[in-house]
Amino acid sequence: MVDLPRINGIFDAIDTDKSGTIDAQELMMHLLGCGQEHESVSALFKVLDTDGDGLISREEFIAGFEKLRVAESSEVVLKAKLRLSDEEYAELKADFNEIDTNKSGTVDISEVRTLLTKERNGTAPTEAEVEEMMSSFDKDADGQITLAEYLAALGYTPPDQEAYDGLEAIEPTDQEADQEAAAAAPPVDAAAQLAASRLKSSKVLNENASVQAS
């Protein structure tokens, strides 16, 4: 079943200039934040832009949402972009799956609440604590933490230089725009680091192989 409110929320988050359509740069900046590579972004844009007008309408986005979702958390993309070995990826994915108790492929706020409760030996966290951790991971504020967002919060991000190789493929050609795009890549914030530390110390994660951030 298509979750239209959620998909519309993601569309609105990507459409940063609130024009009602998504252009190539807006999609690029969203997917770079999720660990995607430029070549894949360019190819995905062409797939979503079914009428070839250089813009993704809301209708086109809804129709192609599953392609976007797969691209963000693709095993192939994440392993290549984040330079994860098969073993590292398997351990991190196992940790994520442990938190994703309903096996939906994403983590929602109720699963974050469950995680924090287990960390505290059954003592329920406050709603403020749950919301703080959720917002630290859920960077697109769609109510779901993807594997890509989870890894980003743990510090697994592409090397700065390589993250912007081939940028000219889908962005404006002027040099100033290049610099602005590079500056826009968000660092892992303090709240995310705190949340990552909590996850690493939790009993849930300790039952699996320890995650060691580089």
C-alpha atoms as a PDB file:
ATOM      1  CA  MET A   1       0.000   0.000   0.000  1.00  0.00           C
ATOM      2  CA  VAL A   2       1.384   3.415  -0.997  1.00  0.00           C
ATOM      3  CA  ASP A   3       1.949   5.730   1.994  1.00  0.00           C
ATOM      4  CA  LEU A   4       1.010   9.002   0.275  1.00  0.00           C
ATOM      5  CA  PRO A   5       1.395  11.298   3.315  1.00  0.00           C
ATOM      6  CA  ARG A   6       4.915  10.005   3.877  1.00  0.00           C
ATOM      7  CA  ILE A   7       5.883  10.226   0.198  1.00  0.00           C
ATOM      8  CA  ASN A   8       4.489  13.740  -0.038  1.00  0.00           C
ATOM      9  CA  GLY A   9       6.463  14.691   3.059  1.00  0.00           C
ATOM     10  CA  ILE A  10       9.688  13.443   1.493  1.00  0.00           C
ATOM     11  CA  PHE A  11       8.888  15.293  -1.741  1.00  0.00           C
ATOM     12  CA  ASP A  12       8.378  18.512   0.225  1.00  0.00           C
ATOM     13  CA  ALA A  13      11.659  17.984   2.090  1.00  0.00           C
ATOM     14  CA  ILE A  14      13.612  17.548  -1.162  1.00  0.00           C
ATOM     15  CA  ASP A  15      11.819  20.466  -2.845  1.00  0.00           C
ATOM     16  CA  THR A  16      13.795  23.017  -0.851  1.00  0.00           C
ATOM     17  CA  ASP A  17      12.773  26.037  -2.942  1.00  0.00           C
ATOM     18  CA  LYS A  18       9.093  25.031  -2.619  1.00  0.00           C
ATOM     19  CA  SER A  19       8.522  25.353  -6.365  1.00  0.00           C
ATOM     20  CA  GLY A  20       6.298  22.273  -6.518  1.00  0.00           C
ATOM     21  CA  THR A  21       8.866  20.361  -8.553  1.00  0.00           C
ATOM     22  CA  ILE A  22      12.282  18.815  -7.833  1.00  0.00           C
ATOM     23  CA  ASP A  23      15.211  19.831 -10.001  1.00  0.00           C
ATOM     24  CA  ALA A  24      18.464  17.935 -10.481  1.00  0.00           C
ATOM     25  CA  GLN A  25      20.379  19.864  -7.829  1.00  0.00           C
ATOM     26  CA  GLU A  26      17.707  19.379  -5.177  1.00  0.00           C
ATOM     27  CA  LEU A  27      17.689  15.626  -5.770  1.00  0.00           C
ATOM     28  CA  MET A  28      21.470  15.573  -5.777  1.00  0.00           C
ATOM     29  CA  MET A  29      21.785  17.311  -2.413  1.00  0.00           C
ATOM     30  CA  HIS A  30      19.200  15.009  -0.834  1.00  0.00           C
ATOM     31  CA  LEU A  31      20.851  11.825  -2.067  1.00  0.00           C
ATOM     32  CA  LEU A  32      24.381  12.984  -1.293  1.00  0.00           C
ATOM     33  CA  GLY A  33      23.231  13.388   2.292  1.00  0.00           C
ATOM     34  CA  CYS A  34      22.040   9.779   2.201  1.00  0.00           C
ATOM     35  CA  GLY A  35      25.388   8.478   0.902  1.00  0.00           C
ATOM     36  CA  GLN A  36      24.450   8.200  -2.769  1.00  0.00           C
ATOM     37  CA  GLU A  37      26.942   8.674  -5.603  1.00  0.00           C
ATOM     38  CA  HIS A  38      26.642  11.233  -8.384  1.00  0.00           C
ATOM     39  CA  GLU A  39      26.418   8.804 -11.275  1.00  0.00           C
ATOM     40  CA  SER A  40      23.510   7.019  -9.656  1.00  0.00           C
ATOM     41  CA  VAL A  41      21.766  10.309  -8.854  1.00  0.00           C
ATOM     42  CA  SER A  42      22.002  11.402 -12.482  1.00  0.00           C
ATOM     43  CA  ALA A  43      20.625   8.084 -13.699  1.00  0.00           C
ATOM     44  CA  LEU A  44      17.843   8.103 -11.112  1.00  0.00           C
ATOM     45  CA  PHE A  45      16.814  11.630 -12.044  1.00  0.00           C
ATOM     46  CA  LYS A  46      16.362  10.564 -15.649  1.00  0.00           C
ATOM     47  CA  VAL A  47      14.234   7.602 -14.568  1.00  0.00           C
ATOM     48  CA  LEU A  48      11.994   9.730 -12.338  1.00  0.00           C
ATOM     49  CA  ASP A  49      11.669  12.571 -14.858  1.00  0.00           C
ATOM     50  CA  THR A  50       9.452  10.538 -17.158  1.00  0.00           C
ATOM     51  CA  ASP A  51       8.396  13.446 -19.391  1.00  0.00           C
ATOM     52  CA  GLY A  52      11.989  14.630 -19.824  1.00  0.00           C
ATOM     53  CA  ASP A  53      11.306  18.279 -18.951  1.00  0.00           C
ATOM     54  CA  GLY A  54      14.208  18.517 -16.495  1.00  0.00           C
ATOM     55  CA  LEU A  55      11.938  18.584 -13.436  1.00  0.00           C
ATOM     56  CA  ILE A  56      10.338  15.884 -11.304  1.00  0.00           C
ATOM     57  CA  SER A  57       6.689  16.632 -10.601  1.00  0.00           C
ATOM     58  CA  ARG A  58       4.918  15.373  -7.509  1.00  0.00           C
ATOM     59  CA  GLU A  59       3.079  12.815  -9.638  1.00  0.00           C
ATOM     60  CA  GLU A  60       6.330  11.553 -11.161  1.00  0.00           C
ATOM     61  CA  PHE A  61       7.920  11.350  -7.721  1.00  0.00           C
ATOM     62  CA  ILE A  62       5.055   9.324  -6.264  1.00  0.00           C
ATOM     63  CA  ALA A  63       5.128   6.959  -9.229  1.00  0.00           C
ATOM     64  CA  GLY A  64       8.889   6.434  -8.909  1.00  0.00           C
ATOM     65  CA  PHE A  65       9.224   6.532  -5.129  1.00  0.00           C
ATOM     66  CA  GLU A  66      10.265   2.911  -4.761  1.00  0.00           C
ATOM     67  CA  LYS A  67      13.183   3.526  -7.140  1.00  0.00           C
ATOM     68  CA  LEU A  68      14.331   6.384  -4.899  1.00  0.00           C
ATOM     69  CA  ARG A  69      13.945   4.310  -1.749  1.00  0.00           C
ATOM     70  CA  VAL A  70      15.991   1.445  -3.169  1.00  0.00           C
ATOM     71  CA  ALA A  71      18.708   3.817  -4.392  1.00  0.00           C
ATOM     72  CA  GLU A  72      19.208   5.425  -0.983  1.00  0.00           C
ATOM     73  CA  SER A  73      19.839   2.182   0.909  1.00  0.00           C
ATOM     74  CA  SER A  74      21.080  -0.113  -1.831  1.00  0.00           C
ATOM     75  CA  GLU A  75      23.624  -2.620  -0.523  1.00  0.00           C
ATOM     76  CA  VAL A  76      25.776  -2.145  -3.603  1.00  0.00           C
ATOM     77  CA  VAL A  77      25.733   1.660  -3.278  1.00  0.00           C
ATOM     78  CA  LEU A  78      26.407   1.704   0.463  1.00  0.00           C
ATOM     79  CA  LYS A  79      29.262  -0.797   0.336  1.00  0.00           C
ATOM     80  CA  ALA A  80      30.962   0.979  -2.557  1.00  0.00           C
ATOM     81  CA  LYS A  81      30.403   4.547  -1.408  1.00  0.00           C
ATOM     82  CA  LEU A  82      31.252   3.983   2.262  1.00  0.00           C
ATOM     83  CA  ARG A  83      34.065   1.538   1.492  1.00  0.00           C
ATOM     84  CA  LEU A  84      32.570  -1.211   3.610  1.00  0.00           C
ATOM     85  CA  SER A  85      33.791  -4.772   3.333  1.00  0.00           C
ATOM     86  CA  ASP A  86      31.232  -7.564   3.076  1.00  0.00           C
ATOM     87  CA  GLU A  87      31.872  -8.385   6.736  1.00  0.00           C
ATOM     88  CA  GLU A  88      31.506  -4.784   7.920  1.00  0.00           C
ATOM     89  CA  TYR A  89      28.305  -4.298   5.967  1.00  0.00           C
ATOM     90  CA  ALA A  90      26.874  -7.561   7.298  1.00  0.00           C
ATOM     91  CA  GLU A  91      27.605  -6.562  10.915  1.00  0.00           C
ATOM     92  CA  LEU A  92      26.118  -3.091  10.524  1.00  0.00           C
ATOM     93  CA  LYS A  93      23.051  -4.417   8.735  1.00  0.00           C
ATOM     94  CA  ALA A  94      22.574  -7.023  11.481  1.00  0.00           C
ATOM     95  CA  ASP A  95      22.659  -4.260  14.115  1.00  0.00           C
ATOM     96  CA  PHE A  96      20.110  -2.257  12.137  1.00  0.00           C
ATOM     97  CA  ASN A  97      17.877  -5.310  11.699  1.00  0.00           C
ATOM     98  CA  GLU A  98      18.016  -5.903  15.455  1.00  0.00           C
ATOM     99  CA  ILE A  99      16.524  -2.456  16.032  1.00  0.00           C
ATOM    100  CA  ASP A 100      14.020  -2.879  13.165  1.00  0.00           C
ATOM    101  CA  THR A 101      11.833  -5.251  15.154  1.00  0.00           C
ATOM    102  CA  ASN A 102       8.922  -5.270  12.716  1.00  0.00           C
ATOM    103  CA  LYS A 103      11.273  -6.002   9.793  1.00  0.00           C
ATOM    104  CA  SER A 104       9.879  -3.160   7.680  1.00  0.00           C
ATOM    105  CA  GLY A 105      13.310  -2.134   6.394  1.00  0.00           C
ATOM    106  CA  THR A 106      13.223   1.152   8.341  1.00  0.00           C
ATOM    107  CA  VAL A 107      13.174   2.139  12.008  1.00  0.00           C
ATOM    108  CA  ASP A 108      10.278   4.197  13.338  1.00  0.00           C
ATOM    109  CA  ILE A 109       9.831   6.122  16.563  1.00  0.00           C
ATOM    110  CA  SER A 110       8.237   3.196  18.415  1.00  0.00           C
ATOM    111  CA  GLU A 111      11.305   1.064  17.663  1.00  0.00           C
ATOM    112  CA  VAL A 112      13.579   3.860  18.908  1.00  0.00           C
ATOM    113  CA  ARG A 113      11.504   3.939  22.109  1.00  0.00           C
ATOM    114  CA  THR A 114      11.912   0.164  22.466  1.00  0.00           C
ATOM    115  CA  LEU A 115      15.666   0.435  21.938  1.00  0.00           C
ATOM    116  CA  LEU A 116      16.080   3.101  24.610  1.00  0.00           C
ATOM    117  CA  THR A 117      13.911   1.112  27.031  1.00  0.00           C
ATOM    118  CA  LYS A 118      16.120  -1.964  26.543  1.00  0.00           C
ATOM    119  CA  GLU A 119      19.232   0.172  27.080  1.00  0.00           C
ATOM    120  CA  ARG A 120      17.850   1.175  30.455  1.00  0.00           C
ATOM    121  CA  ASN A 121      16.868  -2.304  31.598  1.00  0.00           C
ATOM    122  CA  GLY A 122      13.182  -1.694  31.122  1.00  0.00           C
ATOM    123  CA  THR A 123      12.994   1.912  32.294  1.00  0.00           C
ATOM    124  CA  ALA A 124      11.014   3.907  29.748  1.00  0.00           C
ATOM    125  CA  PRO A 125      12.696   7.009  28.304  1.00  0.00           C
ATOM    126  CA  THR A 126      10.956  10.369  28.205  1.00  0.00           C
ATOM    127  CA  GLU A 127       9.254  11.390  24.978  1.00  0.00           C
ATOM    128  CA  ALA A 128      11.777  14.230  24.648  1.00  0.00           C
ATOM    129  CA  GLU A 129      14.629  11.709  24.696  1.00  0.00           C
ATOM    130  CA  VAL A 130      12.910   9.526  22.116  1.00  0.00           C
ATOM    131  CA  GLU A 131      12.243  12.474  19.839  1.00  0.00           C
ATOM    132  CA  GLU A 132      15.816  13.744  20.212  1.00  0.00           C
ATOM    133  CA  MET A 133      17.280  10.425  19.145  1.00  0.00           C
ATOM    134  CA  MET A 134      14.775  10.081  16.307  1.00  0.00           C
ATOM    135  CA  SER A 135      15.543  13.517  14.910  1.00  0.00           C
ATOM    136  CA  SER A 136      19.278  12.873  15.156  1.00  0.00           C
ATOM    137  CA  PHE A 137      18.975   9.959  12.749  1.00  0.00           C
ATOM    138  CA  ASP A 138      15.931  10.851  10.662  1.00  0.00           C
ATOM    139  CA  LYS A 139      17.526  13.660   8.654  1.00  0.00           C
ATOM    140  CA  ASP A 140      14.754  13.960   6.077  1.00  0.00           C
ATOM    141  CA  ALA A 141      12.156  14.087   8.887  1.00  0.00           C
ATOM    142  CA  ASP A 142       9.871  11.554   7.204  1.00  0.00           C
ATOM    143  CA  GLY A 143       9.316   9.518  10.366  1.00  0.00           C
ATOM    144  CA  GLN A 144      11.462   6.593   9.231  1.00  0.00           C
ATOM    145  CA  ILE A 145      15.190   5.933   9.719  1.00  0.00           C
ATOM    146  CA  THR A 146      16.672   4.232   6.673  1.00  0.00           C
ATOM    147  CA  LEU A 147      19.827   2.136   6.729  1.00  0.00           C
ATOM    148  CA  ALA A 148      21.654   4.968   4.942  1.00  0.00           C
ATOM    149  CA  GLU A 149      20.581   7.478   7.608  1.00  0.00           C
ATOM    150  CA  TYR A 150      21.568   5.055  10.368  1.00  0.00           C
ATOM    151  CA  LEU A 151      25.045   4.576   8.908  1.00  0.00           C
ATOM    152  CA  ALA A 152      25.486   8.310   8.371  1.00  0.00           C
ATOM    153  CA  ALA A 153      24.646   8.976  12.034  1.00  0.00           C
ATOM    154  CA  LEU A 154      27.242   6.408  13.091  1.00  0.00           C
ATOM    155  CA  GLY A 155      29.850   8.349  11.124  1.00  0.00           C
ATOM    156  CA  TYR A 156      29.942   6.278   7.939  1.00  0.00           C
ATOM    157  CA  THR A 157      30.083   9.004   5.297  1.00  0.00           C
ATOM    158  CA  PRO A 158      31.824   9.215   1.910  1.00  0.00           C
ATOM    159  CA  PRO A 159      35.290  10.808   1.743  1.00  0.00           C
ATOM    160  CA  ASP A 160      34.826  14.539   1.107  1.00  0.00           C
ATOM    161  CA  GLN A 161      36.746  14.720  -2.150  1.00  0.00           C
ATOM    162  CA  GLU A 162      35.276  11.639  -3.741  1.00  0.00           C
ATOM    163  CA  ALA A 163      31.770  12.660  -2.672  1.00  0.00           C
ATOM    164  CA  TYR A 164      31.927  15.497  -5.166  1.00  0.00           C
ATOM    165  CA  ASP A 165      33.729  13.846  -8.095  1.00  0.00           C
ATOM    166  CA  GLY A 166      31.712  14.229 -11.282  1.00  0.00           C
ATOM    167  CA  LEU A 167      29.530  16.941  -9.782  1.00  0.00           C
ATOM    168  CA  GLU A 168      29.221  18.658 -13.162  1.00  0.00           C
ATOM    169  CA  ALA A 169      27.026  15.825 -14.416  1.00  0.00           C
ATOM    170  CA  ILE A 170      23.876  17.193 -12.786  1.00  0.00           C
ATOM    171  CA  GLU A 171      24.605  20.603 -11.292  1.00  0.00           C
ATOM    172  CA  PRO A 172      24.942  24.152 -12.655  1.00  0.00           C
ATOM    173  CA  THR A 173      28.218  24.662 -14.490  1.00  0.00           C
ATOM    174  CA  ASP A 174      29.396  27.838 -12.749  1.00  0.00           C
ATOM    175  CA  GLN A 175      32.182  27.494 -10.217  1.00  0.00           C
ATOM    176  CA  GLU A 176      30.320  29.349  -7.482  1.00  0.00           C
ATOM    177  CA  ALA A 177      27.529  26.795  -7.589  1.00  0.00           C
ATOM    178  CA  ASP A 178      30.122  24.025  -7.209  1.00  0.00           C
ATOM    179  CA  GLN A 179      31.432  25.630  -4.039  1.00  0.00           C
ATOM    180  CA  GLU A 180      27.960  26.172  -2.622  1.00  0.00           C
ATOM    181  CA  ALA A 181      27.024  22.542  -3.287  1.00  0.00           C
ATOM    182  CA  ALA A 182      30.147  21.264  -1.570  1.00  0.00           C
ATOM    183  CA  ALA A 183      29.557  23.535   1.437  1.00  0.00           C
ATOM    184  CA  ALA A 184      25.980  22.281   1.742  1.00  0.00           C
ATOM    185  CA  ALA A 185      26.966  18.692   2.594  1.00  0.00           C
ATOM    186  CA  PRO A 186      25.891  18.420   6.257  1.00  0.00           C
ATOM    187  CA  PRO A 187      28.377  17.095   8.838  1.00  0.00           C
ATOM    188  CA  VAL A 188      27.309  14.660  11.529  1.00  0.00           C
ATOM    189  CA  ASP A 189      25.987  16.916  14.285  1.00  0.00           C
ATOM    190  CA  ALA A 190      26.571  16.600  18.005  1.00  0.00           C
ATOM    191  CA  ALA A 191      23.118  15.177  18.648  1.00  0.00           C
ATOM    192  CA  ALA A 192      23.696  12.460  16.069  1.00  0.00           C
ATOM    193  CA  GLN A 193      27.033  11.587  17.651  1.00  0.00           C
ATOM    194  CA  LEU A 194      25.355  11.346  21.043  1.00  0.00           C
ATOM    195  CA  ALA A 195      22.630   9.114  19.639  1.00  0.00           C
ATOM    196  CA  ALA A 196      25.239   6.963  17.904  1.00  0.00           C
ATOM    197  CA  SER A 197      27.087   6.574  21.179  1.00  0.00           C
ATOM    198  CA  ARG A 198      23.894   5.415  22.848  1.00  0.00           C
ATOM    199  CA  LEU A 199      23.300   2.862  20.151  1.00  0.00           C
ATOM    200  CA  LYS A 200      26.820   1.503  20.372  1.00  0.00           C
ATOM    201  CA  SER A 201      26.534   1.080  24.130  1.00  0.00           C
ATOM    202  CA  SER A 202      23.122  -0.564  24.093  1.00  0.00           C
ATOM    203  CA  LYS A 203      22.630  -4.188  24.984  1.00  0.00           C
ATOM    204  CA  VAL A 204      20.815  -4.719  21.732  1.00  0.00           C
ATOM    205  CA  LEU A 205      23.865  -3.786  19.703  1.00  0.00           C
ATOM    206  CA  ASN A 206      26.296  -5.500  22.050  1.00  0.00           C
ATOM    207  CA  GLU A 207      24.655  -8.820  21.290  1.00  0.00           C
ATOM    208  CA  ASN A 208      25.993  -8.474  17.764  1.00  0.00           C
ATOM    209  CA  ALA A 209      29.587  -7.797  16.658  1.00  0.00           C
ATOM    210  CA  SER A 210      30.830  -4.407  17.896  1.00  0.00           C
ATOM    211  CA  VAL A 211      30.642  -1.561  15.419  1.00  0.00           C
ATOM    212  CA  GLN A 212      33.941   0.289  15.233  1.00  0.00           C
ATOM    213  CA  ALA A 213      33.753   3.641  13.495  1.00  0.00           C
ATOM    214  CA  SER A 214      36.934   4.688  11.751  1.00  0.00           C
END
